[in-house]
Amino acid sequence: MAKWGEGDPRWIVEERPDATNVNNWHWTEKNAGPWSQERLKELLDNLKISQNGIDCKITEVEKIDGEATANNRKGKLIFFYEWDIKLKWEGLLAGGKDKVKGEVNIPNLSEENDVSEVDMTVTIKSSGDEAQRVKAFMHNVGKGVIRQQLAEYIRSLKEEFTKGLILPKKGEDAPKPDNVKTITSGFNKKINMEPIVDRQQKQIGCKLDTKNIELTETFQCRAQEFYDAMTRIEMVTAFTQGHVKMEAEKGGKFWLFGGNVTGEFRELVPGKKIVQYWRYKQWPDQHFSEVTFSIDEKEDHTIVTLKQDLVPSAEVDQTRANWKRYYFDSIKRAFGFGAFL
């Protein structure tokens, strides 16, 4: 096994003509938001949906709110996108007198759900039998056509941003998207880390019994890379697979897993140490533990020691399991820190 600083080819800058991101090893990110908005408008605006004498058309893309990013780590692409889309449409029944107008709302187009599972609501502004028949057509047929366009957006997003993120290796003229492994942030499911309610848990006015936790985990990465995974908001978003609020500075707050984990940074030493006040939502109100990550880079791996003080005794086993599942295993899976390529 190659050792850091002793010829490991992943770190040889000369292998890339432009001397950047050797073998696509480091985390890189591109903002795909503006491109995505234009692409979605291109695919949806003036979209015609016709069948069995009913003609409908998307007349306006009224709203596209959200964001999209494309990330590269070890030649793997991780795409994040979350869009709230509102469309205006109109349709006419064969032989009908008046056009039927309405809206299509798509509140959450994201990588967490397959396109076939994306919520889509069809509404109309008029009433009557003709209007209901056109609405039923848009519900039964129109949704399928719109989903095809959304699937095309996702396909083209990955194709477009593969080109810019996966850099050519020595001797290659251009990137080869077909040979790149593309993954999303998870298994089409958000990690929510919902509390398990213990109805016999706490009694107000009683002294809280606490214990300490100590865990040690090995990561195949540089110390700075693990530090970045815990403090850079885009990387924390990647392994938690959900919305993140974070200010990585002394006194800065963080909010993870849908608000089930909150806290504050107390000390930050890049590549060496992270100290946090940390609490789980179901713990007694205002009770925080103190978590210290000690990061120790070795010759060909990094050892992380976690020490957590003042964990409610009833929560020790669950908290220990959550560190392993939601933090350590998720970080390894998201960034490839579990084994060398």
Protein backbone atom coordinates (compact mmCIF):
# COMPACT_ATOMS: atom_id res chain seq x y z
CA MET A 1 0.00 0.00 0.00
CA ALA A 2 1.43 3.37 -0.97
CA LYS A 3 2.18 5.82 1.83
CA TRP A 4 1.51 9.51 1.78
CA GLY A 5 4.58 11.39 0.63
CA GLU A 6 6.20 8.21 -0.72
CA GLY A 7 5.06 8.09 -4.29
CA ASP A 8 1.32 7.61 -3.93
CA PRO A 9 0.22 8.36 -7.54
CA ARG A 10 -2.94 10.13 -6.42
CA TRP A 11 -0.81 12.99 -5.17
CA ILE A 12 1.59 13.30 -8.14
CA VAL A 13 0.76 16.67 -9.68
CA GLU A 14 2.73 15.96 -12.86
CA GLU A 15 0.15 13.37 -13.89
CA ARG A 16 -2.25 16.20 -14.84
CA PRO A 17 -1.31 18.71 -17.55
CA ASP A 18 -2.88 21.60 -15.60
CA ALA A 19 -1.56 20.37 -12.22
CA THR A 20 -4.97 20.38 -10.54
CA ASN A 21 -7.06 17.74 -8.76
CA VAL A 22 -4.87 14.74 -9.55
CA ASN A 23 -6.93 11.72 -10.61
CA ASN A 24 -10.02 13.68 -9.53
CA TRP A 25 -9.15 12.84 -5.91
CA HIS A 26 -10.23 16.02 -4.12
CA TRP A 27 -13.72 17.37 -3.48
CA THR A 28 -14.73 19.90 -6.12
CA GLU A 29 -18.07 21.58 -6.61
CA LYS A 30 -19.88 23.53 -9.31
CA ASN A 31 -23.02 25.62 -9.00
CA ALA A 32 -25.55 24.12 -11.41
CA GLY A 33 -28.38 26.46 -10.38
CA PRO A 34 -28.48 29.03 -13.20
CA TRP A 35 -27.90 26.35 -15.85
CA SER A 36 -30.67 24.22 -14.33
CA GLN A 37 -33.20 27.07 -14.35
CA GLU A 38 -32.56 27.73 -18.03
CA ARG A 39 -32.69 24.04 -18.89
CA LEU A 40 -35.97 23.51 -17.03
CA LYS A 41 -37.53 26.50 -18.79
CA GLU A 42 -36.34 25.18 -22.12
CA LEU A 43 -37.86 21.76 -21.46
CA LEU A 44 -41.18 22.90 -19.97
CA ASP A 45 -42.13 26.21 -21.59
CA ASN A 46 -44.61 25.77 -24.47
CA LEU A 47 -44.67 22.01 -23.89
CA LYS A 48 -47.56 20.53 -25.89
CA ILE A 49 -49.61 17.64 -24.56
CA SER A 50 -52.19 16.30 -27.00
CA GLN A 51 -54.14 13.06 -27.24
CA ASN A 52 -57.62 11.81 -28.14
CA GLY A 53 -58.87 15.21 -29.26
CA ILE A 54 -57.65 17.12 -26.22
CA ASP A 55 -54.92 19.72 -26.74
CA CYS A 56 -53.04 21.20 -23.80
CA LYS A 57 -49.94 23.34 -23.51
CA ILE A 58 -47.71 24.77 -20.79
CA THR A 59 -48.08 28.51 -21.34
CA GLU A 60 -45.69 29.80 -18.68
CA VAL A 61 -43.03 28.59 -16.29
CA GLU A 62 -44.15 30.89 -13.50
CA LYS A 63 -41.67 29.84 -10.81
CA ILE A 64 -38.45 27.84 -10.47
CA ASP A 65 -37.08 28.26 -6.95
CA GLY A 66 -34.28 26.18 -5.52
CA GLU A 67 -30.71 25.13 -6.13
CA ALA A 68 -28.52 22.53 -7.78
CA THR A 69 -24.88 21.59 -7.37
CA ALA A 70 -22.60 18.99 -8.93
CA ASN A 71 -19.77 17.59 -6.82
CA ASN A 72 -16.82 15.36 -7.62
CA ARG A 73 -14.91 13.16 -5.20
CA LYS A 74 -12.57 10.38 -6.36
CA GLY A 75 -14.13 10.39 -9.81
CA LYS A 76 -17.63 9.93 -8.40
CA LEU A 77 -20.25 12.55 -9.11
CA ILE A 78 -22.71 13.53 -6.40
CA PHE A 79 -25.62 15.68 -7.58
CA PHE A 80 -27.86 17.74 -5.34
CA TYR A 81 -30.91 19.52 -6.69
CA GLU A 82 -34.09 20.73 -5.07
CA TRP A 83 -36.65 22.70 -7.05
CA ASP A 84 -40.08 24.16 -6.39
CA ILE A 85 -41.73 24.63 -9.79
CA LYS A 86 -45.04 26.22 -10.77
CA LEU A 87 -46.40 25.98 -14.31
CA LYS A 88 -49.39 27.61 -15.98
CA TRP A 89 -51.26 25.61 -18.59
CA GLU A 90 -54.31 25.80 -20.81
CA GLY A 91 -56.25 23.17 -22.73
CA LEU A 92 -59.17 22.73 -25.07
CA LEU A 93 -61.49 19.78 -25.47
CA ALA A 94 -62.28 18.81 -29.07
CA GLY A 95 -65.41 20.70 -30.00
CA GLY A 96 -65.23 22.71 -26.82
CA LYS A 97 -65.98 26.42 -26.70
CA ASP A 98 -63.70 27.83 -24.04
CA LYS A 99 -60.10 27.14 -23.09
CA VAL A 100 -59.52 25.65 -19.69
CA LYS A 101 -56.72 27.28 -17.68
CA GLY A 102 -54.93 25.99 -14.65
CA GLU A 103 -51.65 25.35 -12.85
CA VAL A 104 -49.28 22.48 -12.19
CA ASN A 105 -47.33 22.63 -8.93
CA ILE A 106 -44.19 20.54 -8.41
CA PRO A 107 -43.10 21.36 -4.83
CA ASN A 108 -40.08 19.11 -4.47
CA LEU A 109 -38.11 17.91 -7.46
CA SER A 110 -34.98 16.53 -5.79
CA GLU A 111 -32.45 13.73 -5.97
CA GLU A 112 -34.10 12.17 -2.92
CA ASN A 113 -36.99 10.83 -5.01
CA ASP A 114 -37.31 9.06 -8.30
CA VAL A 115 -39.02 11.18 -10.97
CA SER A 116 -41.97 8.78 -10.93
CA GLU A 117 -42.50 9.62 -7.24
CA VAL A 118 -42.27 13.41 -7.51
CA ASP A 119 -45.37 15.16 -6.15
CA MET A 120 -47.34 17.01 -8.80
CA THR A 121 -50.68 18.79 -8.32
CA VAL A 122 -52.97 19.82 -11.20
CA THR A 123 -55.55 22.55 -10.60
CA ILE A 124 -58.03 24.46 -12.80
CA LYS A 125 -59.53 27.92 -12.55
CA SER A 126 -62.90 27.12 -14.12
CA SER A 127 -65.67 24.63 -13.50
CA GLY A 128 -68.03 22.51 -15.51
CA ASP A 129 -67.92 19.14 -17.20
CA GLU A 130 -65.55 20.18 -19.99
CA ALA A 131 -63.10 21.70 -17.52
CA GLN A 132 -63.13 18.57 -15.38
CA ARG A 133 -62.46 16.35 -18.42
CA VAL A 134 -59.48 18.49 -19.43
CA LYS A 135 -58.19 18.47 -15.87
CA ALA A 136 -58.49 14.68 -15.75
CA PHE A 137 -56.48 14.51 -18.98
CA MET A 138 -53.72 16.66 -17.52
CA HIS A 139 -53.76 14.55 -14.38
CA ASN A 140 -53.59 11.20 -16.17
CA VAL A 141 -51.58 12.06 -19.30
CA GLY A 142 -50.03 15.48 -18.74
CA LYS A 143 -48.21 14.45 -15.58
CA GLY A 144 -46.48 11.65 -17.46
CA VAL A 145 -45.29 13.99 -20.22
CA ILE A 146 -44.01 16.52 -17.68
CA ARG A 147 -42.19 13.76 -15.80
CA GLN A 148 -40.45 12.78 -19.04
CA GLN A 149 -39.16 16.35 -19.33
CA LEU A 150 -37.99 16.33 -15.72
CA ALA A 151 -36.15 13.07 -16.36
CA GLU A 152 -34.49 14.68 -19.36
CA TYR A 153 -33.38 17.59 -17.15
CA ILE A 154 -31.72 15.18 -14.71
CA ARG A 155 -30.03 13.27 -17.53
CA SER A 156 -28.69 16.42 -19.16
CA LEU A 157 -27.61 17.86 -15.79
CA LYS A 158 -25.40 14.86 -15.19
CA GLU A 159 -24.07 14.85 -18.74
CA GLU A 160 -23.29 18.57 -18.75
CA PHE A 161 -21.52 18.69 -15.41
CA THR A 162 -19.62 15.45 -15.87
CA LYS A 163 -17.64 17.32 -18.52
CA GLY A 164 -16.47 20.08 -16.22
CA LEU A 165 -15.91 18.11 -13.03
CA ILE A 166 -14.22 14.93 -14.18
CA LEU A 167 -10.88 16.18 -15.47
CA PRO A 168 -8.86 14.28 -18.09
CA LYS A 169 -5.95 12.23 -16.85
CA LYS A 170 -2.56 12.21 -18.47
CA GLY A 171 -2.85 11.28 -22.14
CA GLU A 172 -6.60 11.89 -22.31
CA ASP A 173 -7.97 14.60 -24.58
CA ALA A 174 -11.36 14.90 -22.95
CA PRO A 175 -13.36 13.44 -20.07
CA LYS A 176 -15.40 10.32 -20.67
CA PRO A 177 -18.78 10.68 -18.94
CA ASP A 178 -19.88 7.16 -19.88
CA ASN A 179 -17.10 5.71 -17.71
CA VAL A 180 -17.87 7.84 -14.66
CA LYS A 181 -19.83 6.46 -11.76
CA THR A 182 -22.67 8.81 -10.91
CA ILE A 183 -24.38 8.68 -7.52
CA THR A 184 -26.93 10.79 -5.71
CA SER A 185 -26.86 11.77 -2.07
CA GLY A 186 -28.45 8.54 -0.86
CA PHE A 187 -30.80 5.71 -1.56
CA ASN A 188 -33.67 7.99 -2.63
CA LYS A 189 -34.37 8.64 0.99
CA LYS A 190 -33.42 11.45 3.32
CA ILE A 191 -31.63 10.68 6.55
CA ASN A 192 -33.90 12.26 9.13
CA MET A 193 -32.55 10.82 12.38
CA GLU A 194 -35.98 11.06 14.00
CA PRO A 195 -36.07 10.76 17.78
CA ILE A 196 -37.21 7.50 19.34
CA VAL A 197 -39.66 8.58 22.03
CA ASP A 198 -39.17 6.97 25.42
CA ARG A 199 -42.37 7.63 27.35
CA GLN A 200 -40.70 6.67 30.64
CA GLN A 201 -37.67 8.85 29.98
CA LYS A 202 -37.45 12.04 32.01
CA GLN A 203 -38.98 13.35 35.16
CA ILE A 204 -38.87 17.09 35.69
CA GLY A 205 -37.00 18.04 38.84
CA CYS A 206 -34.89 14.88 38.99
CA LYS A 207 -31.11 14.88 38.63
CA LEU A 208 -30.04 13.80 35.14
CA ASP A 209 -27.72 10.79 35.14
CA THR A 210 -25.05 11.11 32.42
CA LYS A 211 -22.21 9.05 30.99
CA ASN A 212 -19.33 9.59 28.56
CA ILE A 213 -18.72 8.04 25.16
CA GLU A 214 -15.40 7.41 23.42
CA LEU A 215 -15.15 6.08 19.86
CA THR A 216 -12.23 5.59 17.49
CA GLU A 217 -12.64 5.32 13.71
CA THR A 218 -10.15 4.92 10.84
CA PHE A 219 -10.61 6.91 7.62
CA GLN A 220 -8.66 6.53 4.38
CA CYS A 221 -8.15 10.24 3.81
CA ARG A 222 -6.01 13.16 4.85
CA ALA A 223 -6.67 14.75 8.23
CA GLN A 224 -7.67 18.00 6.53
CA GLU A 225 -10.19 16.15 4.37
CA PHE A 226 -11.98 14.74 7.42
CA TYR A 227 -11.89 18.20 9.01
CA ASP A 228 -13.43 19.68 5.85
CA ALA A 229 -16.12 16.99 5.80
CA MET A 230 -17.22 18.15 9.26
CA THR A 231 -16.97 21.91 8.70
CA ARG A 232 -17.66 22.73 5.02
CA ILE A 233 -21.39 23.14 4.56
CA GLU A 234 -21.50 21.51 1.11
CA MET A 235 -19.66 18.44 2.40
CA VAL A 236 -21.82 18.21 5.54
CA THR A 237 -24.85 18.42 3.25
CA ALA A 238 -23.41 15.55 1.21
CA PHE A 239 -23.08 13.07 4.05
CA THR A 240 -26.16 14.13 6.05
CA GLN A 241 -28.25 14.11 2.86
CA GLY A 242 -30.43 17.01 3.89
CA HIS A 243 -30.62 20.74 4.50
CA VAL A 244 -27.83 22.08 6.74
CA LYS A 245 -27.37 25.33 8.65
CA MET A 246 -23.81 25.91 9.79
CA GLU A 247 -21.33 28.61 10.73
CA ALA A 248 -17.95 26.89 11.07
CA GLU A 249 -16.31 29.36 13.44
CA LYS A 250 -15.90 29.66 17.20
CA GLY A 251 -19.34 30.37 18.62
CA GLY A 252 -20.99 29.45 15.31
CA LYS A 253 -24.19 27.39 15.42
CA PHE A 254 -25.10 24.26 13.46
CA TRP A 255 -28.43 22.58 12.66
CA LEU A 256 -28.48 19.09 11.09
CA PHE A 257 -30.81 16.19 10.29
CA GLY A 258 -33.96 18.28 10.14
CA GLY A 259 -33.15 19.98 13.44
CA ASN A 260 -32.73 16.73 15.36
CA VAL A 261 -29.08 17.61 16.00
CA THR A 262 -28.09 21.16 17.01
CA GLY A 263 -25.14 22.78 18.69
CA GLU A 264 -22.29 25.24 18.65
CA PHE A 265 -18.61 25.15 17.67
CA ARG A 266 -16.35 25.79 20.67
CA GLU A 267 -12.90 25.19 19.15
CA LEU A 268 -11.62 24.63 15.61
CA VAL A 269 -8.04 23.64 14.77
CA PRO A 270 -7.88 22.83 11.02
CA GLY A 271 -6.80 19.26 10.39
CA LYS A 272 -6.35 18.61 14.11
CA LYS A 273 -9.34 19.14 16.36
CA ILE A 274 -13.03 20.09 16.51
CA VAL A 275 -14.88 20.79 19.77
CA GLN A 276 -18.66 21.23 19.83
CA TYR A 277 -21.54 21.69 22.19
CA TRP A 278 -23.92 19.05 20.80
CA ARG A 279 -27.45 17.94 21.60
CA TYR A 280 -30.05 15.55 20.29
CA LYS A 281 -33.62 16.80 20.01
CA GLN A 282 -35.18 14.29 22.39
CA TRP A 283 -32.78 15.08 25.23
CA PRO A 284 -34.07 17.14 28.18
CA ASP A 285 -34.51 20.80 27.27
CA GLN A 286 -31.33 22.91 27.29
CA HIS A 287 -29.09 19.92 28.00
CA PHE A 288 -25.94 19.82 25.84
CA SER A 289 -23.05 17.40 25.71
CA GLU A 290 -19.49 18.36 24.75
CA VAL A 291 -17.99 16.53 21.77
CA THR A 292 -14.30 16.55 20.87
CA PHE A 293 -12.97 15.15 17.58
CA SER A 294 -9.21 14.54 17.74
CA ILE A 295 -7.85 14.03 14.22
CA ASP A 296 -4.54 12.17 13.89
CA GLU A 297 -3.03 11.71 10.42
CA LYS A 298 -0.88 8.59 10.01
CA GLU A 299 1.27 7.42 7.09
CA ASP A 300 -1.59 6.02 5.00
CA HIS A 301 -4.77 6.76 6.98
CA THR A 302 -6.30 9.09 9.54
CA ILE A 303 -7.52 8.09 13.00
CA VAL A 304 -10.40 10.06 14.49
CA THR A 305 -11.11 9.79 18.23
CA LEU A 306 -14.47 11.08 19.41
CA LYS A 307 -15.02 11.88 23.07
CA GLN A 308 -18.49 12.94 24.19
CA ASP A 309 -19.18 14.01 27.76
CA LEU A 310 -22.53 14.38 29.57
CA VAL A 311 -24.64 12.03 27.45
CA PRO A 312 -27.93 11.13 29.20
CA SER A 313 -27.47 7.56 30.42
CA ALA A 314 -30.67 6.40 28.77
CA GLU A 315 -29.37 7.67 25.42
CA VAL A 316 -25.81 6.26 25.44
CA ASP A 317 -26.37 3.17 23.30
CA GLN A 318 -28.55 5.01 20.76
CA THR A 319 -26.13 7.94 20.56
CA ARG A 320 -23.15 5.64 20.05
CA ALA A 321 -24.99 3.83 17.23
CA ASN A 322 -26.00 7.13 15.62
CA TRP A 323 -22.40 8.38 15.50
CA LYS A 324 -21.44 5.22 13.66
CA ARG A 325 -24.41 5.17 11.27
CA TYR A 326 -25.18 8.80 10.55
CA TYR A 327 -21.70 10.30 10.78
CA PHE A 328 -18.81 7.87 10.27
CA ASP A 329 -20.42 5.38 7.86
CA SER A 330 -22.15 8.17 5.94
CA ILE A 331 -18.89 10.15 5.57
CA LYS A 332 -17.10 7.06 4.25
CA ARG A 333 -19.91 6.30 1.81
CA ALA A 334 -20.28 9.89 0.56
CA PHE A 335 -16.60 10.65 -0.02
CA GLY A 336 -14.97 7.25 -0.42
CA PHE A 337 -13.06 7.55 2.87
CA GLY A 338 -13.62 3.90 3.70
CA ALA A 339 -10.98 2.33 1.44
CA PHE A 340 -8.40 3.21 -1.15
CA LEU A 341 -9.51 3.12 -4.78
